[in-house]
Amino acid sequence: MVAILTEPKPRRPQATAINLLCHKHMPLVSIYQPNRQELDSISARRWAELGAARPDLAPAVELQQRLLAIVGHASGALDGRLPRLSLPPKYLAAKLTRGVPIFSGEPIPVPVGLLKTSLLNLTDALAAGGAGESAEHIKEAITGNRMDAGSLLTASLSRDQQAIRTGAEHRGLAPDLVWLLAELATSPFAHALQIALLSPRHALTGDPLADAMRAWNHGYCAVCGSWPALAEVADGHRVLRCSFCAAGWELNEYCCIYCSEQGERFVTAAPDAERKDRRVEICAACQYFLKTIDVGEVSPFPLVAITDMESMDLDLAAMEHGYSRPAMREFVRR
């Protein structure tokens, strides 16, 4: 069993001008998104470093590289092809004030043609990478119109995990794999929408949406409602990274992101005493965990997945001690 060494909680630093491009007292963090060439260079370097450090993960690294290449291609193809949305800032601010994410309940048109191509390419990659017949059956259901790609992608953007799982089970498909494929295929669109909606408002004052984002203090994403994949700590800032749209945000307090526990039942732990830059936040109150990784700079989309894969041993250490990750939250549609 991996020994978990409890550490004292870090003190929350005063807001400073850092390379995250975050604005003072604003939980939403503006993350630099490199161009395609820069992104490919960063990705190649990080995959090479991971491969050298963990040769035992070679098949998983190769598969993940193929998946992220498909996601990256779709992301580039979306340039200039986003729908015009009627989402007034005051309306979105009111939703956020109630704790309801921006995307929740919104009839956002999904570019089905483009994302369906990615979805099918992703099923091929997973079929070749070990998912075998399970992935092939999903592709057959989509191409044979037993599962509607548009409905699947729309449900993924809406984070309707129950609908996707139920639909998969009714068709005799692997529900977790269907959810993963839909999430990977839809994530470039979710990220592009997130940037389009929020980037112009980062530095605004007196703007209702910007003010609502400053006040956001929940552990789930203000944009799509997903839980963070992990927290990246750069220059003392604990930035939660959405597992879907890759948004980054900070909480006003250092606490459990799931239940807000701040007492003795919430601790930060280092499974490896030699690597205290890689920690797990564990909460005995709700039995959930979050990985926390010290980084030189936060990861651009879609490279959060590399940070997540690099730290899989932390997931295993937490789960060995009885901790898990929660299911998607459900929000009232209104």
Protein backbone atom coordinates (compact mmCIF):
# COMPACT_ATOMS: atom_id res chain seq x y z
CA MET A 1 0.00 0.00 0.00
CA VAL A 2 1.27 3.48 -0.85
CA ALA A 3 1.96 5.53 2.25
CA ILE A 4 0.21 8.90 2.19
CA LEU A 5 2.09 11.56 4.05
CA THR A 6 -0.03 14.38 5.36
CA GLU A 7 1.29 17.89 4.77
CA PRO A 8 0.13 21.21 6.21
CA LYS A 9 -2.24 23.13 3.98
CA PRO A 10 -0.53 25.87 1.98
CA ARG A 11 -1.49 29.42 2.76
CA ARG A 12 -3.41 31.18 0.05
CA PRO A 13 -1.15 33.87 -1.45
CA GLN A 14 -2.11 37.42 -2.19
CA ALA A 15 -3.08 37.98 -5.82
CA THR A 16 -0.07 38.94 -7.93
CA ALA A 17 0.71 39.57 -11.57
CA ILE A 18 1.71 36.12 -12.83
CA ASN A 19 2.22 34.39 -16.14
CA LEU A 20 -1.28 32.89 -15.95
CA LEU A 21 -2.60 36.22 -17.21
CA CYS A 22 -5.16 36.13 -14.40
CA HIS A 23 -6.73 39.34 -13.23
CA LYS A 24 -6.67 40.42 -9.63
CA HIS A 25 -9.50 38.98 -7.52
CA MET A 26 -11.01 37.22 -10.54
CA PRO A 27 -11.51 33.47 -10.08
CA LEU A 28 -11.63 32.84 -13.84
CA VAL A 29 -8.10 32.51 -15.21
CA SER A 30 -7.21 33.53 -18.76
CA ILE A 31 -4.85 30.85 -20.09
CA TYR A 32 -2.54 31.52 -23.00
CA GLN A 33 -3.49 29.35 -25.98
CA PRO A 34 -0.55 28.82 -28.35
CA ASN A 35 -0.98 28.56 -32.09
CA ARG A 36 -1.10 25.16 -33.77
CA GLN A 37 2.65 24.99 -34.42
CA GLU A 38 3.55 25.97 -30.85
CA LEU A 39 1.00 23.54 -29.46
CA ASP A 40 2.41 20.67 -31.52
CA SER A 41 5.90 21.50 -30.29
CA ILE A 42 4.84 21.62 -26.64
CA SER A 43 2.85 18.42 -27.03
CA ALA A 44 5.75 16.54 -28.67
CA ARG A 45 8.15 17.63 -25.92
CA ARG A 46 5.81 16.62 -23.10
CA TRP A 47 4.97 13.25 -24.65
CA ALA A 48 8.68 12.55 -25.12
CA GLU A 49 9.37 13.44 -21.48
CA LEU A 50 6.55 11.20 -20.27
CA GLY A 51 7.68 8.34 -22.51
CA ALA A 52 11.23 8.58 -21.19
CA ALA A 53 10.10 8.75 -17.56
CA ARG A 54 7.49 5.98 -17.86
CA PRO A 55 8.43 3.49 -20.60
CA ASP A 56 5.89 1.09 -19.05
CA LEU A 57 3.15 3.45 -20.26
CA ALA A 58 4.25 3.34 -23.91
CA PRO A 59 1.02 1.79 -25.32
CA ALA A 60 -1.18 4.18 -23.31
CA VAL A 61 0.95 7.17 -24.31
CA GLU A 62 0.75 6.20 -27.99
CA LEU A 63 -3.04 5.90 -27.80
CA GLN A 64 -3.45 9.19 -25.95
CA GLN A 65 -1.26 10.93 -28.52
CA ARG A 66 -3.53 9.70 -31.32
CA LEU A 67 -6.66 10.79 -29.46
CA LEU A 68 -5.33 14.27 -28.71
CA ALA A 69 -4.18 14.68 -32.32
CA ILE A 70 -7.79 14.10 -33.43
CA VAL A 71 -9.08 16.53 -30.80
CA GLY A 72 -6.49 19.11 -31.82
CA HIS A 73 -7.39 18.83 -35.49
CA ALA A 74 -11.06 19.39 -34.69
CA SER A 75 -10.15 22.38 -32.56
CA GLY A 76 -8.33 23.99 -35.47
CA ALA A 77 -11.19 23.23 -37.86
CA LEU A 78 -13.60 25.15 -35.62
CA ASP A 79 -11.88 28.50 -36.21
CA GLY A 80 -14.48 30.95 -37.46
CA ARG A 81 -17.25 28.35 -37.39
CA LEU A 82 -18.88 28.98 -34.02
CA PRO A 83 -22.62 29.70 -33.88
CA ARG A 84 -23.92 33.11 -32.88
CA LEU A 85 -25.54 32.69 -29.51
CA SER A 86 -28.21 34.87 -27.93
CA LEU A 87 -26.89 34.77 -24.35
CA PRO A 88 -27.15 38.26 -22.81
CA PRO A 89 -24.56 38.97 -20.10
CA LYS A 90 -27.24 39.84 -17.51
CA TYR A 91 -29.01 36.55 -18.18
CA LEU A 92 -25.80 34.53 -17.81
CA ALA A 93 -24.85 36.48 -14.69
CA ALA A 94 -28.19 35.60 -13.12
CA LYS A 95 -27.58 31.92 -13.83
CA LEU A 96 -24.12 32.02 -12.32
CA THR A 97 -25.45 33.78 -9.22
CA ARG A 98 -27.76 30.78 -8.72
CA GLY A 99 -24.82 28.40 -9.14
CA VAL A 100 -25.99 27.27 -12.59
CA PRO A 101 -23.24 26.96 -15.27
CA ILE A 102 -23.46 28.94 -18.49
CA PHE A 103 -24.08 25.99 -20.84
CA SER A 104 -26.69 24.33 -18.64
CA GLY A 105 -30.08 24.15 -20.32
CA GLU A 106 -29.06 26.27 -23.33
CA PRO A 107 -30.11 25.12 -26.84
CA ILE A 108 -26.64 25.52 -28.33
CA PRO A 109 -26.42 24.19 -31.92
CA VAL A 110 -23.58 21.69 -32.26
CA PRO A 111 -21.60 21.45 -35.55
CA VAL A 112 -22.58 17.84 -36.02
CA GLY A 113 -20.87 17.27 -39.36
CA LEU A 114 -17.44 18.31 -38.13
CA LEU A 115 -17.68 16.69 -34.70
CA LYS A 116 -19.18 13.45 -36.04
CA THR A 117 -16.07 12.97 -38.16
CA SER A 118 -13.94 13.35 -35.03
CA LEU A 119 -16.23 10.99 -33.12
CA LEU A 120 -15.80 8.24 -35.71
CA ASN A 121 -12.05 8.80 -35.91
CA LEU A 122 -11.86 8.55 -32.13
CA THR A 123 -13.73 5.24 -32.15
CA ASP A 124 -11.23 3.90 -34.71
CA ALA A 125 -8.30 5.04 -32.54
CA LEU A 126 -9.75 3.45 -29.42
CA ALA A 127 -10.61 0.24 -31.28
CA ALA A 128 -7.00 -0.05 -32.44
CA GLY A 129 -5.69 0.98 -29.02
CA GLY A 130 -7.32 -1.74 -26.97
CA ALA A 131 -11.05 -1.00 -26.78
CA GLY A 132 -11.57 -3.44 -29.64
CA GLU A 133 -15.10 -4.67 -30.25
CA SER A 134 -16.64 -2.26 -27.72
CA ALA A 135 -15.47 0.74 -29.76
CA GLU A 136 -16.36 -0.95 -33.06
CA HIS A 137 -19.92 -1.57 -31.85
CA ILE A 138 -20.27 2.11 -31.00
CA LYS A 139 -19.11 3.10 -34.47
CA GLU A 140 -21.53 0.63 -36.04
CA ALA A 141 -24.39 2.08 -33.97
CA ILE A 142 -23.56 5.59 -35.16
CA THR A 143 -22.97 4.79 -38.84
CA GLY A 144 -26.03 2.52 -38.85
CA ASN A 145 -28.16 5.30 -37.34
CA ARG A 146 -29.04 3.24 -34.26
CA MET A 147 -27.47 6.04 -32.24
CA ASP A 148 -27.91 9.61 -33.44
CA ALA A 149 -24.59 11.45 -33.44
CA GLY A 150 -26.23 14.86 -33.10
CA SER A 151 -28.21 13.85 -30.02
CA LEU A 152 -25.13 12.23 -28.48
CA LEU A 153 -22.92 15.28 -29.03
CA THR A 154 -25.63 17.65 -27.78
CA ALA A 155 -26.10 15.58 -24.62
CA SER A 156 -22.34 15.65 -24.07
CA LEU A 157 -22.20 19.44 -24.38
CA SER A 158 -25.09 19.62 -21.90
CA ARG A 159 -23.15 17.27 -19.59
CA ASP A 160 -26.17 14.96 -19.45
CA GLN A 161 -24.30 11.89 -18.30
CA GLN A 162 -27.42 9.98 -17.31
CA ALA A 163 -29.01 10.35 -20.75
CA ILE A 164 -25.85 9.13 -22.48
CA ARG A 165 -25.42 6.17 -20.16
CA THR A 166 -29.07 5.16 -20.44
CA GLY A 167 -29.02 5.41 -24.24
CA ALA A 168 -25.85 3.32 -24.42
CA GLU A 169 -27.23 0.62 -22.15
CA HIS A 170 -30.45 0.38 -24.17
CA ARG A 171 -28.35 -0.27 -27.28
CA GLY A 172 -26.07 -2.80 -25.61
CA LEU A 173 -23.07 -0.46 -25.76
CA ALA A 174 -20.42 0.24 -23.11
CA PRO A 175 -21.78 3.36 -21.35
CA ASP A 176 -18.45 4.60 -19.99
CA LEU A 177 -16.84 4.30 -23.41
CA VAL A 178 -19.72 6.10 -25.13
CA TRP A 179 -19.43 8.92 -22.57
CA LEU A 180 -15.66 9.16 -23.10
CA LEU A 181 -15.94 9.23 -26.89
CA ALA A 182 -18.67 11.88 -26.86
CA GLU A 183 -16.70 13.98 -24.39
CA LEU A 184 -13.50 13.83 -26.45
CA ALA A 185 -15.38 14.68 -29.65
CA THR A 186 -17.30 17.60 -28.13
CA SER A 187 -14.52 19.10 -25.99
CA PRO A 188 -12.97 21.26 -28.78
CA PHE A 189 -16.35 22.91 -29.36
CA ALA A 190 -16.88 23.43 -25.63
CA HIS A 191 -13.43 24.99 -25.31
CA ALA A 192 -13.95 27.28 -28.30
CA LEU A 193 -17.30 28.46 -26.93
CA GLN A 194 -15.78 29.06 -23.52
CA ILE A 195 -13.05 31.24 -25.03
CA ALA A 196 -15.48 33.15 -27.27
CA LEU A 197 -17.89 33.89 -24.43
CA LEU A 198 -15.48 34.79 -21.67
CA SER A 199 -12.13 35.96 -23.03
CA PRO A 200 -13.37 39.44 -24.06
CA ARG A 201 -14.71 40.01 -20.54
CA HIS A 202 -11.67 39.11 -18.40
CA ALA A 203 -10.51 42.68 -17.81
CA LEU A 204 -13.92 44.38 -17.75
CA THR A 205 -15.27 46.11 -14.66
CA GLY A 206 -18.95 46.82 -14.15
CA ASP A 207 -19.88 44.11 -16.64
CA PRO A 208 -22.53 41.80 -15.13
CA LEU A 209 -21.01 38.60 -16.51
CA ALA A 210 -17.47 39.55 -15.46
CA ASP A 211 -18.74 40.46 -11.99
CA ALA A 212 -20.57 37.12 -11.71
CA MET A 213 -17.39 35.29 -12.69
CA ARG A 214 -15.46 37.18 -10.02
CA ALA A 215 -17.99 35.96 -7.48
CA TRP A 216 -17.91 32.32 -8.66
CA ASN A 217 -16.69 30.15 -5.79
CA HIS A 218 -17.74 26.60 -6.65
CA GLY A 219 -15.62 23.52 -7.28
CA TYR A 220 -17.38 22.76 -10.56
CA CYS A 221 -16.84 24.68 -13.80
CA ALA A 222 -18.82 27.91 -14.23
CA VAL A 223 -18.99 27.33 -17.98
CA CYS A 224 -20.03 23.69 -18.43
CA GLY A 225 -20.54 22.32 -14.92
CA SER A 226 -17.85 19.62 -15.07
CA TRP A 227 -15.56 18.81 -12.18
CA PRO A 228 -11.87 19.68 -12.64
CA ALA A 229 -9.53 16.96 -13.82
CA LEU A 230 -6.92 18.34 -11.41
CA ALA A 231 -5.47 21.53 -10.01
CA GLU A 232 -2.31 23.04 -11.50
CA VAL A 233 -0.36 25.21 -9.06
CA ALA A 234 1.72 27.94 -10.70
CA ASP A 235 3.33 30.86 -8.86
CA GLY A 236 1.31 29.89 -5.78
CA HIS A 237 -2.04 29.98 -7.56
CA ARG A 238 -4.13 26.82 -7.28
CA VAL A 239 -5.90 26.76 -10.64
CA LEU A 240 -8.69 24.23 -11.06
CA ARG A 241 -8.72 22.86 -14.63
CA CYS A 242 -12.03 21.78 -16.11
CA SER A 243 -11.92 18.21 -17.41
CA PHE A 244 -14.10 19.14 -20.41
CA CYS A 245 -13.77 22.73 -21.65
CA ALA A 246 -10.36 23.32 -19.97
CA ALA A 247 -11.47 26.50 -18.20
CA GLY A 248 -9.26 27.53 -15.29
CA TRP A 249 -10.46 29.15 -12.07
CA GLU A 250 -9.51 29.68 -8.44
CA LEU A 251 -11.55 29.39 -5.27
CA ASN A 252 -11.66 32.15 -2.69
CA GLU A 253 -10.67 29.70 0.05
CA TYR A 254 -8.47 26.64 0.35
CA CYS A 255 -10.99 23.87 0.97
CA CYS A 256 -12.44 20.68 -0.48
CA ILE A 257 -13.78 21.60 -3.91
CA TYR A 258 -16.65 19.13 -3.54
CA CYS A 259 -18.11 19.85 -0.08
CA SER A 260 -16.16 22.97 1.08
CA GLU A 261 -14.73 21.15 4.11
CA GLN A 262 -11.86 23.15 5.66
CA GLY A 263 -11.32 21.31 8.94
CA GLU A 264 -9.12 18.39 9.93
CA ARG A 265 -10.98 16.00 7.62
CA PHE A 266 -9.60 17.85 4.59
CA VAL A 267 -5.87 17.29 4.08
CA THR A 268 -3.26 17.56 1.37
CA ALA A 269 -1.16 14.43 1.00
CA ALA A 270 2.00 13.42 -0.85
CA PRO A 271 1.97 9.70 -1.78
CA ASP A 272 5.67 9.94 -2.65
CA ALA A 273 7.78 11.69 -0.01
CA GLU A 274 10.37 12.44 -2.71
CA ARG A 275 7.84 14.24 -4.93
CA LYS A 276 5.95 16.76 -2.83
CA ASP A 277 5.27 18.76 -5.98
CA ARG A 278 2.62 16.12 -6.78
CA ARG A 279 -0.09 15.88 -4.15
CA VAL A 280 -3.60 14.66 -3.52
CA GLU A 281 -6.27 16.64 -1.70
CA ILE A 282 -8.39 14.11 0.18
CA CYS A 283 -11.55 14.77 2.14
CA ALA A 284 -12.85 12.38 4.78
CA ALA A 285 -16.10 14.33 4.92
CA CYS A 286 -17.20 13.43 1.36
CA GLN A 287 -14.62 10.72 0.49
CA TYR A 288 -13.53 12.47 -2.72
CA PHE A 289 -10.08 13.50 -3.94
CA LEU A 290 -8.39 15.97 -6.27
CA LYS A 291 -4.87 15.83 -7.71
CA THR A 292 -2.72 18.95 -7.27
CA ILE A 293 0.39 19.36 -9.42
CA ASP A 294 3.04 22.11 -9.21
CA VAL A 295 3.78 23.35 -12.75
CA GLY A 296 5.91 26.03 -14.36
CA GLU A 297 2.89 27.20 -16.33
CA VAL A 298 -0.66 25.97 -16.73
CA SER A 299 -1.42 23.65 -19.64
CA PRO A 300 -3.21 24.94 -22.75
CA PHE A 301 -6.09 22.99 -24.29
CA PRO A 302 -6.04 20.03 -24.90
CA LEU A 303 -2.80 19.30 -23.04
CA VAL A 304 -4.42 19.13 -19.62
CA ALA A 305 -4.88 15.47 -20.57
CA ILE A 306 -1.09 15.00 -20.53
CA THR A 307 -0.82 16.38 -16.99
CA ASP A 308 -3.68 14.08 -16.02
CA MET A 309 -1.96 11.05 -17.53
CA GLU A 310 1.43 11.92 -16.02
CA SER A 311 -0.15 11.77 -12.58
CA MET A 312 -2.23 8.59 -12.84
CA ASP A 313 -0.29 7.11 -9.94
CA LEU A 314 -1.90 9.73 -7.70
CA ASP A 315 -5.36 8.52 -8.72
CA LEU A 316 -4.36 4.98 -7.83
CA ALA A 317 -2.92 6.04 -4.46
CA ALA A 318 -6.11 7.89 -3.54
CA MET A 319 -8.39 5.06 -4.67
CA GLU A 320 -6.33 2.52 -2.71
CA HIS A 321 -7.21 4.54 0.39
CA GLY A 322 -10.92 4.53 -0.36
CA TYR A 323 -11.33 7.90 -2.11
CA SER A 324 -13.04 8.44 -5.46
CA ARG A 325 -14.32 11.10 -7.87
CA PRO A 326 -17.99 12.16 -7.90
CA ALA A 327 -20.44 11.78 -10.76
CA MET A 328 -21.47 14.79 -12.82
CA ARG A 329 -23.67 17.31 -11.05
CA GLU A 330 -27.21 17.79 -12.31
CA PHE A 331 -28.62 21.29 -12.64
CA VAL A 332 -32.21 22.46 -12.80
CA ARG A 333 -33.05 23.30 -16.42
CA ARG A 334 -34.49 26.82 -16.37
